[in-house]
mmCIF file of all heavy atoms, coordinates in Angstrom:
data_MODEL
# 
_entry.id   MODEL 
# 
loop_
_atom_site.group_PDB 
_atom_site.id 
_atom_site.type_symbol 
_atom_site.label_atom_id 
_atom_site.label_alt_id 
_atom_site.label_comp_id 
_atom_site.label_asym_id 
_atom_site.label_entity_id 
_atom_site.label_seq_id 
_atom_site.pdbx_PDB_ins_code 
_atom_site.Cartn_x 
_atom_site.Cartn_y 
_atom_site.Cartn_z 
_atom_site.occupancy 
_atom_site.B_iso_or_equiv 
_atom_site.pdbx_formal_charge 
_atom_site.auth_seq_id 
_atom_site.auth_comp_id 
_atom_site.auth_asym_id 
_atom_site.auth_atom_id 
_atom_site.pdbx_PDB_model_num 
ATOM 1   N N   . TYR A 1 1  ? -31.354 -64.811 3.447   1.00 0.00 ? 1  TYR A N   1 
ATOM 2   C CA  . TYR A 1 1  ? -30.987 -65.222 2.111   1.00 0.00 ? 1  TYR A CA  1 
ATOM 3   C C   . TYR A 1 1  ? -30.848 -63.970 1.249   1.00 0.00 ? 1  TYR A C   1 
ATOM 4   O O   . TYR A 1 1  ? -31.805 -63.233 1.171   1.00 0.00 ? 1  TYR A O   1 
ATOM 5   C CB  . TYR A 1 1  ? -31.845 -66.372 1.474   1.00 0.00 ? 1  TYR A CB  1 
ATOM 6   C CG  . TYR A 1 1  ? -31.656 -67.621 2.043   1.00 0.00 ? 1  TYR A CG  1 
ATOM 7   C CD1 . TYR A 1 1  ? -31.861 -67.968 3.483   1.00 0.00 ? 1  TYR A CD1 1 
ATOM 8   C CD2 . TYR A 1 1  ? -30.920 -68.657 1.290   1.00 0.00 ? 1  TYR A CD2 1 
ATOM 9   C CE1 . TYR A 1 1  ? -31.592 -69.180 3.931   1.00 0.00 ? 1  TYR A CE1 1 
ATOM 10  C CE2 . TYR A 1 1  ? -30.586 -69.923 1.875   1.00 0.00 ? 1  TYR A CE2 1 
ATOM 11  C CZ  . TYR A 1 1  ? -31.018 -70.138 3.149   1.00 0.00 ? 1  TYR A CZ  1 
ATOM 12  O OH  . TYR A 1 1  ? -30.796 -71.328 3.779   1.00 0.00 ? 1  TYR A OH  1 
ATOM 13  N N   . TYR A 1 2  ? -29.876 -63.747 0.477   1.00 0.00 ? 2  TYR A N   1 
ATOM 14  C CA  . TYR A 1 2  ? -29.670 -62.596 -0.476  1.00 0.00 ? 2  TYR A CA  1 
ATOM 15  C C   . TYR A 1 2  ? -29.447 -63.140 -1.884  1.00 0.00 ? 2  TYR A C   1 
ATOM 16  O O   . TYR A 1 2  ? -28.896 -64.109 -2.054  1.00 0.00 ? 2  TYR A O   1 
ATOM 17  C CB  . TYR A 1 2  ? -28.479 -61.852 0.079   1.00 0.00 ? 2  TYR A CB  1 
ATOM 18  C CG  . TYR A 1 2  ? -28.435 -61.168 1.348   1.00 0.00 ? 2  TYR A CG  1 
ATOM 19  C CD1 . TYR A 1 2  ? -27.944 -62.034 2.466   1.00 0.00 ? 2  TYR A CD1 1 
ATOM 20  C CD2 . TYR A 1 2  ? -28.799 -60.047 1.595   1.00 0.00 ? 2  TYR A CD2 1 
ATOM 21  C CE1 . TYR A 1 2  ? -27.901 -61.457 3.806   1.00 0.00 ? 2  TYR A CE1 1 
ATOM 22  C CE2 . TYR A 1 2  ? -28.806 -59.412 2.890   1.00 0.00 ? 2  TYR A CE2 1 
ATOM 23  C CZ  . TYR A 1 2  ? -28.316 -60.341 3.935   1.00 0.00 ? 2  TYR A CZ  1 
ATOM 24  O OH  . TYR A 1 2  ? -28.336 -59.688 5.199   1.00 0.00 ? 2  TYR A OH  1 
ATOM 25  N N   . CYS A 1 3  ? -30.000 -62.282 -2.714  1.00 0.00 ? 3  CYS A N   1 
ATOM 26  C CA  . CYS A 1 3  ? -29.626 -62.602 -4.225  1.00 0.00 ? 3  CYS A CA  1 
ATOM 27  C C   . CYS A 1 3  ? -28.708 -61.420 -4.801  1.00 0.00 ? 3  CYS A C   1 
ATOM 28  O O   . CYS A 1 3  ? -28.846 -60.347 -4.204  1.00 0.00 ? 3  CYS A O   1 
ATOM 29  C CB  . CYS A 1 3  ? -30.924 -62.797 -5.009  1.00 0.00 ? 3  CYS A CB  1 
ATOM 30  S SG  . CYS A 1 3  ? -32.035 -61.269 -5.086  1.00 0.00 ? 3  CYS A SG  1 
ATOM 31  N N   . ALA A 1 4  ? -27.972 -61.649 -5.726  1.00 0.00 ? 4  ALA A N   1 
ATOM 32  C CA  . ALA A 1 4  ? -27.115 -60.747 -6.256  1.00 0.00 ? 4  ALA A CA  1 
ATOM 33  C C   . ALA A 1 4  ? -26.832 -61.059 -7.725  1.00 0.00 ? 4  ALA A C   1 
ATOM 34  O O   . ALA A 1 4  ? -27.072 -62.176 -8.216  1.00 0.00 ? 4  ALA A O   1 
ATOM 35  C CB  . ALA A 1 4  ? -25.790 -60.863 -5.460  1.00 0.00 ? 4  ALA A CB  1 
ATOM 36  N N   . ALA A 1 5  ? -26.584 -60.116 -8.431  1.00 0.00 ? 5  ALA A N   1 
ATOM 37  C CA  . ALA A 1 5  ? -26.406 -60.186 -9.896  1.00 0.00 ? 5  ALA A CA  1 
ATOM 38  C C   . ALA A 1 5  ? -25.019 -59.680 -10.493 1.00 0.00 ? 5  ALA A C   1 
ATOM 39  O O   . ALA A 1 5  ? -24.564 -58.665 -9.832  1.00 0.00 ? 5  ALA A O   1 
ATOM 40  C CB  . ALA A 1 5  ? -27.459 -59.573 -10.607 1.00 0.00 ? 5  ALA A CB  1 
ATOM 41  N N   . THR A 1 6  ? -24.590 -60.128 -11.562 1.00 0.00 ? 6  THR A N   1 
ATOM 42  C CA  . THR A 1 6  ? -23.383 -59.654 -12.063 1.00 0.00 ? 6  THR A CA  1 
ATOM 43  C C   . THR A 1 6  ? -23.272 -60.122 -13.625 1.00 0.00 ? 6  THR A C   1 
ATOM 44  O O   . THR A 1 6  ? -23.898 -61.072 -13.985 1.00 0.00 ? 6  THR A O   1 
ATOM 45  C CB  . THR A 1 6  ? -22.076 -60.208 -11.467 1.00 0.00 ? 6  THR A CB  1 
ATOM 46  O OG1 . THR A 1 6  ? -20.875 -59.712 -12.001 1.00 0.00 ? 6  THR A OG1 1 
ATOM 47  C CG2 . THR A 1 6  ? -21.997 -61.724 -11.561 1.00 0.00 ? 6  THR A CG2 1 
ATOM 48  N N   . ARG A 1 7  ? -22.622 -59.210 -14.459 1.00 0.00 ? 7  ARG A N   1 
ATOM 49  C CA  . ARG A 1 7  ? -22.459 -59.497 -15.752 1.00 0.00 ? 7  ARG A CA  1 
ATOM 50  C C   . ARG A 1 7  ? -20.926 -59.596 -16.050 1.00 0.00 ? 7  ARG A C   1 
ATOM 51  O O   . ARG A 1 7  ? -20.516 -59.876 -17.191 1.00 0.00 ? 7  ARG A O   1 
ATOM 52  C CB  . ARG A 1 7  ? -22.963 -58.329 -16.640 1.00 0.00 ? 7  ARG A CB  1 
ATOM 53  C CG  . ARG A 1 7  ? -24.505 -58.464 -16.833 1.00 0.00 ? 7  ARG A CG  1 
ATOM 54  C CD  . ARG A 1 7  ? -25.158 -57.875 -18.083 1.00 0.00 ? 7  ARG A CD  1 
ATOM 55  N NE  . ARG A 1 7  ? -24.782 -56.461 -18.185 1.00 0.00 ? 7  ARG A NE  1 
ATOM 56  C CZ  . ARG A 1 7  ? -25.210 -55.612 -19.115 1.00 0.00 ? 7  ARG A CZ  1 
ATOM 57  N NH1 . ARG A 1 7  ? -26.105 -56.134 -20.035 1.00 0.00 ? 7  ARG A NH1 1 
ATOM 58  N NH2 . ARG A 1 7  ? -24.858 -54.406 -19.203 1.00 0.00 ? 7  ARG A NH2 1 
ATOM 59  N N   . ARG A 1 8  ? -20.181 -59.502 -15.112 1.00 0.00 ? 8  ARG A N   1 
ATOM 60  C CA  . ARG A 1 8  ? -18.599 -59.478 -15.259 1.00 0.00 ? 8  ARG A CA  1 
ATOM 61  C C   . ARG A 1 8  ? -18.165 -60.861 -15.440 1.00 0.00 ? 8  ARG A C   1 
ATOM 62  O O   . ARG A 1 8  ? -17.128 -61.136 -15.991 1.00 0.00 ? 8  ARG A O   1 
ATOM 63  C CB  . ARG A 1 8  ? -18.007 -58.789 -14.137 1.00 0.00 ? 8  ARG A CB  1 
ATOM 64  C CG  . ARG A 1 8  ? -18.172 -57.397 -13.889 1.00 0.00 ? 8  ARG A CG  1 
ATOM 65  C CD  . ARG A 1 8  ? -17.316 -56.824 -12.837 1.00 0.00 ? 8  ARG A CD  1 
ATOM 66  N NE  . ARG A 1 8  ? -17.805 -57.006 -11.480 1.00 0.00 ? 8  ARG A NE  1 
ATOM 67  C CZ  . ARG A 1 8  ? -17.109 -57.298 -10.430 1.00 0.00 ? 8  ARG A CZ  1 
ATOM 68  N NH1 . ARG A 1 8  ? -15.852 -57.577 -10.611 1.00 0.00 ? 8  ARG A NH1 1 
ATOM 69  N NH2 . ARG A 1 8  ? -17.778 -57.340 -9.199  1.00 0.00 ? 8  ARG A NH2 1 
ATOM 70  N N   . LEU A 1 9  ? -18.837 -61.813 -14.912 1.00 0.00 ? 9  LEU A N   1 
ATOM 71  C CA  . LEU A 1 9  ? -18.435 -63.269 -15.041 1.00 0.00 ? 9  LEU A CA  1 
ATOM 72  C C   . LEU A 1 9  ? -19.648 -64.099 -15.473 1.00 0.00 ? 9  LEU A C   1 
ATOM 73  O O   . LEU A 1 9  ? -20.773 -63.808 -15.104 1.00 0.00 ? 9  LEU A O   1 
ATOM 74  C CB  . LEU A 1 9  ? -17.781 -63.645 -13.740 1.00 0.00 ? 9  LEU A CB  1 
ATOM 75  C CG  . LEU A 1 9  ? -16.600 -63.179 -13.278 1.00 0.00 ? 9  LEU A CG  1 
ATOM 76  C CD1 . LEU A 1 9  ? -16.263 -63.657 -11.837 1.00 0.00 ? 9  LEU A CD1 1 
ATOM 77  C CD2 . LEU A 1 9  ? -15.427 -63.418 -14.313 1.00 0.00 ? 9  LEU A CD2 1 
ATOM 78  N N   . ILE A 1 10 ? -19.372 -65.274 -16.007 1.00 0.00 ? 10 ILE A N   1 
ATOM 79  C CA  . ILE A 1 10 ? -20.465 -66.185 -16.337 1.00 0.00 ? 10 ILE A CA  1 
ATOM 80  C C   . ILE A 1 10 ? -21.072 -66.758 -15.007 1.00 0.00 ? 10 ILE A C   1 
ATOM 81  O O   . ILE A 1 10 ? -22.259 -66.714 -14.893 1.00 0.00 ? 10 ILE A O   1 
ATOM 82  C CB  . ILE A 1 10 ? -20.046 -67.287 -17.132 1.00 0.00 ? 10 ILE A CB  1 
ATOM 83  C CG1 . ILE A 1 10 ? -19.556 -66.786 -18.551 1.00 0.00 ? 10 ILE A CG1 1 
ATOM 84  C CG2 . ILE A 1 10 ? -21.074 -68.312 -17.310 1.00 0.00 ? 10 ILE A CG2 1 
ATOM 85  C CD1 . ILE A 1 10 ? -18.912 -67.806 -19.462 1.00 0.00 ? 10 ILE A CD1 1 
ATOM 86  N N   . ARG A 1 11 ? -20.321 -66.994 -14.020 1.00 0.00 ? 11 ARG A N   1 
ATOM 87  C CA  . ARG A 1 11 ? -20.754 -67.557 -12.735 1.00 0.00 ? 11 ARG A CA  1 
ATOM 88  C C   . ARG A 1 11 ? -19.624 -67.158 -11.736 1.00 0.00 ? 11 ARG A C   1 
ATOM 89  O O   . ARG A 1 11 ? -18.411 -67.115 -12.123 1.00 0.00 ? 11 ARG A O   1 
ATOM 90  C CB  . ARG A 1 11 ? -21.012 -69.066 -12.651 1.00 0.00 ? 11 ARG A CB  1 
ATOM 91  C CG  . ARG A 1 11 ? -19.800 -69.999 -12.905 1.00 0.00 ? 11 ARG A CG  1 
ATOM 92  C CD  . ARG A 1 11 ? -20.186 -71.282 -12.693 1.00 0.00 ? 11 ARG A CD  1 
ATOM 93  N NE  . ARG A 1 11 ? -21.049 -71.823 -13.744 1.00 0.00 ? 11 ARG A NE  1 
ATOM 94  C CZ  . ARG A 1 11 ? -20.569 -72.311 -14.905 1.00 0.00 ? 11 ARG A CZ  1 
ATOM 95  N NH1 . ARG A 1 11 ? -19.161 -72.277 -15.205 1.00 0.00 ? 11 ARG A NH1 1 
ATOM 96  N NH2 . ARG A 1 11 ? -21.272 -72.641 -15.925 1.00 0.00 ? 11 ARG A NH2 1 
ATOM 97  N N   . SER A 1 12 ? -19.899 -67.081 -10.498 1.00 0.00 ? 12 SER A N   1 
ATOM 98  C CA  . SER A 1 12 ? -18.922 -66.895 -9.456  1.00 0.00 ? 12 SER A CA  1 
ATOM 99  C C   . SER A 1 12 ? -19.561 -67.468 -8.195  1.00 0.00 ? 12 SER A C   1 
ATOM 100 O O   . SER A 1 12 ? -20.762 -67.174 -7.880  1.00 0.00 ? 12 SER A O   1 
ATOM 101 C CB  . SER A 1 12 ? -18.550 -65.476 -9.400  1.00 0.00 ? 12 SER A CB  1 
ATOM 102 O OG  . SER A 1 12 ? -17.544 -65.272 -8.371  1.00 0.00 ? 12 SER A OG  1 
ATOM 103 N N   . ARG A 1 13 ? -18.749 -67.810 -7.329  1.00 0.00 ? 13 ARG A N   1 
ATOM 104 C CA  . ARG A 1 13 ? -19.071 -68.141 -5.933  1.00 0.00 ? 13 ARG A CA  1 
ATOM 105 C C   . ARG A 1 13 ? -18.559 -67.061 -4.893  1.00 0.00 ? 13 ARG A C   1 
ATOM 106 O O   . ARG A 1 13 ? -18.935 -67.119 -3.713  1.00 0.00 ? 13 ARG A O   1 
ATOM 107 C CB  . ARG A 1 13 ? -18.461 -69.504 -5.467  1.00 0.00 ? 13 ARG A CB  1 
ATOM 108 C CG  . ARG A 1 13 ? -19.031 -70.592 -6.220  1.00 0.00 ? 13 ARG A CG  1 
ATOM 109 C CD  . ARG A 1 13 ? -18.451 -71.991 -5.544  1.00 0.00 ? 13 ARG A CD  1 
ATOM 110 N NE  . ARG A 1 13 ? -19.080 -73.183 -5.988  1.00 0.00 ? 13 ARG A NE  1 
ATOM 111 C CZ  . ARG A 1 13 ? -19.116 -74.310 -5.482  1.00 0.00 ? 13 ARG A CZ  1 
ATOM 112 N NH1 . ARG A 1 13 ? -18.604 -74.468 -4.275  1.00 0.00 ? 13 ARG A NH1 1 
ATOM 113 N NH2 . ARG A 1 13 ? -19.721 -75.429 -6.033  1.00 0.00 ? 13 ARG A NH2 1 
ATOM 114 N N   . ALA A 1 14 ? -17.975 -66.048 -5.451  1.00 0.00 ? 14 ALA A N   1 
ATOM 115 C CA  . ALA A 1 14 ? -17.401 -64.995 -4.613  1.00 0.00 ? 14 ALA A CA  1 
ATOM 116 C C   . ALA A 1 14 ? -18.335 -63.841 -4.524  1.00 0.00 ? 14 ALA A C   1 
ATOM 117 O O   . ALA A 1 14 ? -18.600 -63.258 -5.553  1.00 0.00 ? 14 ALA A O   1 
ATOM 118 C CB  . ALA A 1 14 ? -16.087 -64.673 -5.098  1.00 0.00 ? 14 ALA A CB  1 
ATOM 119 N N   . ARG A 1 15 ? -18.587 -63.318 -3.416  1.00 0.00 ? 15 ARG A N   1 
ATOM 120 C CA  . ARG A 1 15 ? -19.386 -62.235 -3.291  1.00 0.00 ? 15 ARG A CA  1 
ATOM 121 C C   . ARG A 1 15 ? -18.798 -60.889 -3.821  1.00 0.00 ? 15 ARG A C   1 
ATOM 122 O O   . ARG A 1 15 ? -19.452 -60.222 -4.322  1.00 0.00 ? 15 ARG A O   1 
ATOM 123 C CB  . ARG A 1 15 ? -19.603 -61.881 -1.749  1.00 0.00 ? 15 ARG A CB  1 
ATOM 124 C CG  . ARG A 1 15 ? -20.394 -62.934 -1.040  1.00 0.00 ? 15 ARG A CG  1 
ATOM 125 C CD  . ARG A 1 15 ? -20.490 -62.608 0.507   1.00 0.00 ? 15 ARG A CD  1 
ATOM 126 N NE  . ARG A 1 15 ? -21.297 -61.438 0.678   1.00 0.00 ? 15 ARG A NE  1 
ATOM 127 C CZ  . ARG A 1 15 ? -20.788 -60.290 1.377   1.00 0.00 ? 15 ARG A CZ  1 
ATOM 128 N NH1 . ARG A 1 15 ? -19.563 -60.278 1.826   1.00 0.00 ? 15 ARG A NH1 1 
ATOM 129 N NH2 . ARG A 1 15 ? -21.691 -59.195 1.373   1.00 0.00 ? 15 ARG A NH2 1 
ATOM 130 N N   . SER A 1 16 ? -17.486 -60.838 -3.945  1.00 0.00 ? 16 SER A N   1 
ATOM 131 C CA  . SER A 1 16 ? -16.985 -59.608 -4.376  1.00 0.00 ? 16 SER A CA  1 
ATOM 132 C C   . SER A 1 16 ? -17.122 -59.514 -6.053  1.00 0.00 ? 16 SER A C   1 
ATOM 133 O O   . SER A 1 16 ? -16.901 -58.491 -6.562  1.00 0.00 ? 16 SER A O   1 
ATOM 134 C CB  . SER A 1 16 ? -15.474 -59.744 -4.163  1.00 0.00 ? 16 SER A CB  1 
ATOM 135 O OG  . SER A 1 16 ? -14.869 -60.877 -4.817  1.00 0.00 ? 16 SER A OG  1 
ATOM 136 N N   . ASN A 1 17 ? -17.573 -60.539 -6.548  1.00 0.00 ? 17 ASN A N   1 
ATOM 137 C CA  . ASN A 1 17 ? -17.762 -60.553 -8.133  1.00 0.00 ? 17 ASN A CA  1 
ATOM 138 C C   . ASN A 1 17 ? -19.186 -60.091 -8.466  1.00 0.00 ? 17 ASN A C   1 
ATOM 139 O O   . ASN A 1 17 ? -19.555 -59.950 -9.696  1.00 0.00 ? 17 ASN A O   1 
ATOM 140 C CB  . ASN A 1 17 ? -17.448 -61.816 -8.755  1.00 0.00 ? 17 ASN A CB  1 
ATOM 141 C CG  . ASN A 1 17 ? -16.002 -62.173 -8.760  1.00 0.00 ? 17 ASN A CG  1 
ATOM 142 O OD1 . ASN A 1 17 ? -15.126 -61.273 -9.016  1.00 0.00 ? 17 ASN A OD1 1 
ATOM 143 N ND2 . ASN A 1 17 ? -15.589 -63.447 -8.650  1.00 0.00 ? 17 ASN A ND2 1 
ATOM 144 N N   . TYR A 1 18 ? -19.901 -59.891 -7.386  1.00 0.00 ? 18 TYR A N   1 
ATOM 145 C CA  . TYR A 1 18 ? -21.312 -59.396 -7.687  1.00 0.00 ? 18 TYR A CA  1 
ATOM 146 C C   . TYR A 1 18 ? -21.576 -57.930 -7.516  1.00 0.00 ? 18 TYR A C   1 
ATOM 147 O O   . TYR A 1 18 ? -21.056 -57.444 -6.556  1.00 0.00 ? 18 TYR A O   1 
ATOM 148 C CB  . TYR A 1 18 ? -22.355 -60.255 -6.752  1.00 0.00 ? 18 TYR A CB  1 
ATOM 149 C CG  . TYR A 1 18 ? -22.418 -61.663 -7.316  1.00 0.00 ? 18 TYR A CG  1 
ATOM 150 C CD1 . TYR A 1 18 ? -21.543 -62.526 -6.881  1.00 0.00 ? 18 TYR A CD1 1 
ATOM 151 C CD2 . TYR A 1 18 ? -23.460 -62.082 -8.151  1.00 0.00 ? 18 TYR A CD2 1 
ATOM 152 C CE1 . TYR A 1 18 ? -21.558 -63.884 -7.289  1.00 0.00 ? 18 TYR A CE1 1 
ATOM 153 C CE2 . TYR A 1 18 ? -23.534 -63.360 -8.553  1.00 0.00 ? 18 TYR A CE2 1 
ATOM 154 C CZ  . TYR A 1 18 ? -22.565 -64.282 -8.121  1.00 0.00 ? 18 TYR A CZ  1 
ATOM 155 O OH  . TYR A 1 18 ? -22.721 -65.660 -8.539  1.00 0.00 ? 18 TYR A OH  1 
ATOM 156 N N   . ASP A 1 19 ? -22.134 -57.220 -8.426  1.00 0.00 ? 19 ASP A N   1 
ATOM 157 C CA  . ASP A 1 19 ? -22.292 -55.743 -8.400  1.00 0.00 ? 19 ASP A CA  1 
ATOM 158 C C   . ASP A 1 19 ? -23.600 -55.215 -7.875  1.00 0.00 ? 19 ASP A C   1 
ATOM 159 O O   . ASP A 1 19 ? -23.714 -54.235 -7.339  1.00 0.00 ? 19 ASP A O   1 
ATOM 160 C CB  . ASP A 1 19 ? -22.040 -55.123 -9.816  1.00 0.00 ? 19 ASP A CB  1 
ATOM 161 C CG  . ASP A 1 19 ? -20.752 -55.647 -10.386 1.00 0.00 ? 19 ASP A CG  1 
ATOM 162 O OD1 . ASP A 1 19 ? -19.768 -55.317 -9.771  1.00 0.00 ? 19 ASP A OD1 1 
ATOM 163 O OD2 . ASP A 1 19 ? -20.704 -56.103 -11.475 1.00 0.00 ? 19 ASP A OD2 1 
ATOM 164 N N   . PHE A 1 20 ? -24.552 -56.049 -7.987  1.00 0.00 ? 20 PHE A N   1 
ATOM 165 C CA  . PHE A 1 20 ? -25.870 -55.672 -7.411  1.00 0.00 ? 20 PHE A CA  1 
ATOM 166 C C   . PHE A 1 20 ? -26.398 -56.613 -6.515  1.00 0.00 ? 20 PHE A C   1 
ATOM 167 O O   . PHE A 1 20 ? -26.406 -57.861 -6.759  1.00 0.00 ? 20 PHE A O   1 
ATOM 168 C CB  . PHE A 1 20 ? -26.834 -55.557 -8.787  1.00 0.00 ? 20 PHE A CB  1 
ATOM 169 C CG  . PHE A 1 20 ? -26.284 -54.764 -9.772  1.00 0.00 ? 20 PHE A CG  1 
ATOM 170 C CD1 . PHE A 1 20 ? -25.634 -55.430 -10.927 1.00 0.00 ? 20 PHE A CD1 1 
ATOM 171 C CD2 . PHE A 1 20 ? -26.278 -53.414 -9.758  1.00 0.00 ? 20 PHE A CD2 1 
ATOM 172 C CE1 . PHE A 1 20 ? -25.167 -54.623 -11.950 1.00 0.00 ? 20 PHE A CE1 1 
ATOM 173 C CE2 . PHE A 1 20 ? -25.745 -52.577 -10.836 1.00 0.00 ? 20 PHE A CE2 1 
ATOM 174 C CZ  . PHE A 1 20 ? -25.162 -53.218 -11.911 1.00 0.00 ? 20 PHE A CZ  1 
ATOM 175 N N   . TRP A 1 21 ? -27.033 -56.042 -5.378  1.00 0.00 ? 21 TRP A N   1 
ATOM 176 C CA  . TRP A 1 21 ? -27.539 -56.906 -4.304  1.00 0.00 ? 21 TRP A CA  1 
ATOM 177 C C   . TRP A 1 21 ? -28.965 -56.543 -3.957  1.00 0.00 ? 21 TRP A C   1 
ATOM 178 O O   . TRP A 1 21 ? -29.337 -55.331 -3.996  1.00 0.00 ? 21 TRP A O   1 
ATOM 179 C CB  . TRP A 1 21 ? -26.686 -56.750 -3.096  1.00 0.00 ? 21 TRP A CB  1 
ATOM 180 C CG  . TRP A 1 21 ? -25.414 -57.487 -3.256  1.00 0.00 ? 21 TRP A CG  1 
ATOM 181 C CD1 . TRP A 1 21 ? -24.307 -56.863 -3.887  1.00 0.00 ? 21 TRP A CD1 1 
ATOM 182 C CD2 . TRP A 1 21 ? -24.905 -58.783 -2.790  1.00 0.00 ? 21 TRP A CD2 1 
ATOM 183 N NE1 . TRP A 1 21 ? -23.181 -57.810 -3.920  1.00 0.00 ? 21 TRP A NE1 1 
ATOM 184 C CE2 . TRP A 1 21 ? -23.658 -59.083 -3.284  1.00 0.00 ? 21 TRP A CE2 1 
ATOM 185 C CE3 . TRP A 1 21 ? -25.521 -59.737 -2.158  1.00 0.00 ? 21 TRP A CE3 1 
ATOM 186 C CZ2 . TRP A 1 21 ? -22.997 -60.202 -2.983  1.00 0.00 ? 21 TRP A CZ2 1 
ATOM 187 C CZ3 . TRP A 1 21 ? -24.925 -60.879 -1.752  1.00 0.00 ? 21 TRP A CZ3 1 
ATOM 188 C CH2 . TRP A 1 21 ? -23.683 -61.085 -2.191  1.00 0.00 ? 21 TRP A CH2 1 
ATOM 189 N N   . GLY A 1 22 ? -29.814 -57.537 -3.588  1.00 0.00 ? 22 GLY A N   1 
ATOM 190 C CA  . GLY A 1 22 ? -31.020 -57.164 -3.091  1.00 0.00 ? 22 GLY A CA  1 
ATOM 191 C C   . GLY A 1 22 ? -30.977 -57.343 -1.529  1.00 0.00 ? 22 GLY A C   1 
ATOM 192 O O   . GLY A 1 22 ? -30.101 -57.776 -0.940  1.00 0.00 ? 22 GLY A O   1 
ATOM 193 N N   . ARG A 1 23 ? -32.005 -56.827 -0.915  1.00 0.00 ? 23 ARG A N   1 
ATOM 194 C CA  . ARG A 1 23 ? -32.218 -56.997 0.470   1.00 0.00 ? 23 ARG A CA  1 
ATOM 195 C C   . ARG A 1 23 ? -32.582 -58.457 0.732   1.00 0.00 ? 23 ARG A C   1 
ATOM 196 O O   . ARG A 1 23 ? -33.166 -59.115 0.009   1.00 0.00 ? 23 ARG A O   1 
ATOM 197 C CB  . ARG A 1 23 ? -33.443 -56.090 1.075   1.00 0.00 ? 23 ARG A CB  1 
ATOM 198 C CG  . ARG A 1 23 ? -33.119 -54.598 0.939   1.00 0.00 ? 23 ARG A CG  1 
ATOM 199 C CD  . ARG A 1 23 ? -34.131 -53.785 1.607   1.00 0.00 ? 23 ARG A CD  1 
ATOM 200 N NE  . ARG A 1 23 ? -33.813 -52.418 1.683   1.00 0.00 ? 23 ARG A NE  1 
ATOM 201 C CZ  . ARG A 1 23 ? -34.647 -51.382 2.149   1.00 0.00 ? 23 ARG A CZ  1 
ATOM 202 N NH1 . ARG A 1 23 ? -35.733 -51.765 2.806   1.00 0.00 ? 23 ARG A NH1 1 
ATOM 203 N NH2 . ARG A 1 23 ? -34.222 -50.159 2.230   1.00 0.00 ? 23 ARG A NH2 1 
ATOM 204 N N   . GLY A 1 24 ? -32.105 -58.905 1.882   1.00 0.00 ? 24 GLY A N   1 
ATOM 205 C CA  . GLY A 1 24 ? -32.290 -60.319 2.227   1.00 0.00 ? 24 GLY A CA  1 
ATOM 206 C C   . GLY A 1 24 ? -33.778 -60.617 2.645   1.00 0.00 ? 24 GLY A C   1 
ATOM 207 O O   . GLY A 1 24 ? -34.564 -59.789 3.029   1.00 0.00 ? 24 GLY A O   1 
ATOM 208 N N   . THR A 1 25 ? -34.037 -62.005 2.548   1.00 0.00 ? 25 THR A N   1 
ATOM 209 C CA  . THR A 1 25 ? -35.287 -62.383 3.024   1.00 0.00 ? 25 THR A CA  1 
ATOM 210 C C   . THR A 1 25 ? -34.954 -63.494 4.114   1.00 0.00 ? 25 THR A C   1 
ATOM 211 O O   . THR A 1 25 ? -34.130 -64.403 3.760   1.00 0.00 ? 25 THR A O   1 
ATOM 212 C CB  . THR A 1 25 ? -36.154 -62.985 1.952   1.00 0.00 ? 25 THR A CB  1 
ATOM 213 O OG1 . THR A 1 25 ? -37.414 -63.486 2.328   1.00 0.00 ? 25 THR A OG1 1 
ATOM 214 C CG2 . THR A 1 25 ? -35.427 -64.043 1.164   1.00 0.00 ? 25 THR A CG2 1 
ATOM 215 N N   . GLN A 1 26 ? -35.671 -63.443 5.271   1.00 0.00 ? 26 GLN A N   1 
ATOM 216 C CA  . GLN A 1 26 ? -35.424 -64.270 6.304   1.00 0.00 ? 26 GLN A CA  1 
ATOM 217 C C   . GLN A 1 26 ? -36.011 -65.717 6.167   1.00 0.00 ? 26 GLN A C   1 
ATOM 218 O O   . GLN A 1 26 ? -37.342 -65.759 5.907   1.00 0.00 ? 26 GLN A O   1 
ATOM 219 C CB  . GLN A 1 26 ? -35.838 -63.706 7.676   1.00 0.00 ? 26 GLN A CB  1 
ATOM 220 C CG  . GLN A 1 26 ? -35.730 -64.498 8.775   1.00 0.00 ? 26 GLN A CG  1 
ATOM 221 C CD  . GLN A 1 26 ? -34.284 -64.775 9.344   1.00 0.00 ? 26 GLN A CD  1 
ATOM 222 O OE1 . GLN A 1 26 ? -33.592 -63.822 9.413   1.00 0.00 ? 26 GLN A OE1 1 
ATOM 223 N NE2 . GLN A 1 26 ? -33.879 -65.903 9.603   1.00 0.00 ? 26 GLN A NE2 1 
ATOM 224 N N   . VAL A 1 27 ? -35.210 -66.701 6.319   1.00 0.00 ? 27 VAL A N   1 
ATOM 225 C CA  . VAL A 1 27 ? -35.653 -68.160 6.365   1.00 0.00 ? 27 VAL A CA  1 
ATOM 226 C C   . VAL A 1 27 ? -35.384 -68.762 7.738   1.00 0.00 ? 27 VAL A C   1 
ATOM 227 O O   . VAL A 1 27 ? -34.260 -68.679 8.082   1.00 0.00 ? 27 VAL A O   1 
ATOM 228 C CB  . VAL A 1 27 ? -35.031 -69.001 5.186   1.00 0.00 ? 27 VAL A CB  1 
ATOM 229 C CG1 . VAL A 1 27 ? -35.484 -70.440 5.364   1.00 0.00 ? 27 VAL A CG1 1 
ATOM 230 C CG2 . VAL A 1 27 ? -35.515 -68.454 3.878   1.00 0.00 ? 27 VAL A CG2 1 
ATOM 231 N N   . THR A 1 28 ? -36.301 -69.174 8.338   1.00 0.00 ? 28 THR A N   1 
ATOM 232 C CA  . THR A 1 28 ? -36.306 -69.755 9.615   1.00 0.00 ? 28 THR A CA  1 
ATOM 233 C C   . THR A 1 28 ? -37.010 -71.143 9.622   1.00 0.00 ? 28 THR A C   1 
ATOM 234 O O   . THR A 1 28 ? -38.044 -71.370 9.144   1.00 0.00 ? 28 THR A O   1 
ATOM 235 C CB  . THR A 1 28 ? -36.819 -69.043 10.758  1.00 0.00 ? 28 THR A CB  1 
ATOM 236 O OG1 . THR A 1 28 ? -36.388 -67.666 10.728  1.00 0.00 ? 28 THR A OG1 1 
ATOM 237 C CG2 . THR A 1 28 ? -36.644 -69.596 12.200  1.00 0.00 ? 28 THR A CG2 1 
ATOM 238 N N   . VAL A 1 29 ? -36.053 -72.029 10.037  1.00 0.00 ? 29 VAL A N   1 
ATOM 239 C CA  . VAL A 1 29 ? -36.435 -73.543 9.957   1.00 0.00 ? 29 VAL A CA  1 
ATOM 240 C C   . VAL A 1 29 ? -36.411 -74.125 11.339  1.00 0.00 ? 29 VAL A C   1 
ATOM 241 O O   . VAL A 1 29 ? -35.388 -74.096 12.076  1.00 0.00 ? 29 VAL A O   1 
ATOM 242 C CB  . VAL A 1 29 ? -35.599 -74.476 9.134   1.00 0.00 ? 29 VAL A CB  1 
ATOM 243 C CG1 . VAL A 1 29 ? -36.183 -75.823 9.088   1.00 0.00 ? 29 VAL A CG1 1 
ATOM 244 C CG2 . VAL A 1 29 ? -35.462 -73.889 7.682   1.00 0.00 ? 29 VAL A CG2 1 
# 
């Protein structure tokens, strides 16, 4: 799971609209 941030849009489902990304964290169920 990754989190990402943007100020270009109010909200977006598209990865390309996010400018900043964190490293992921593993979730195993």
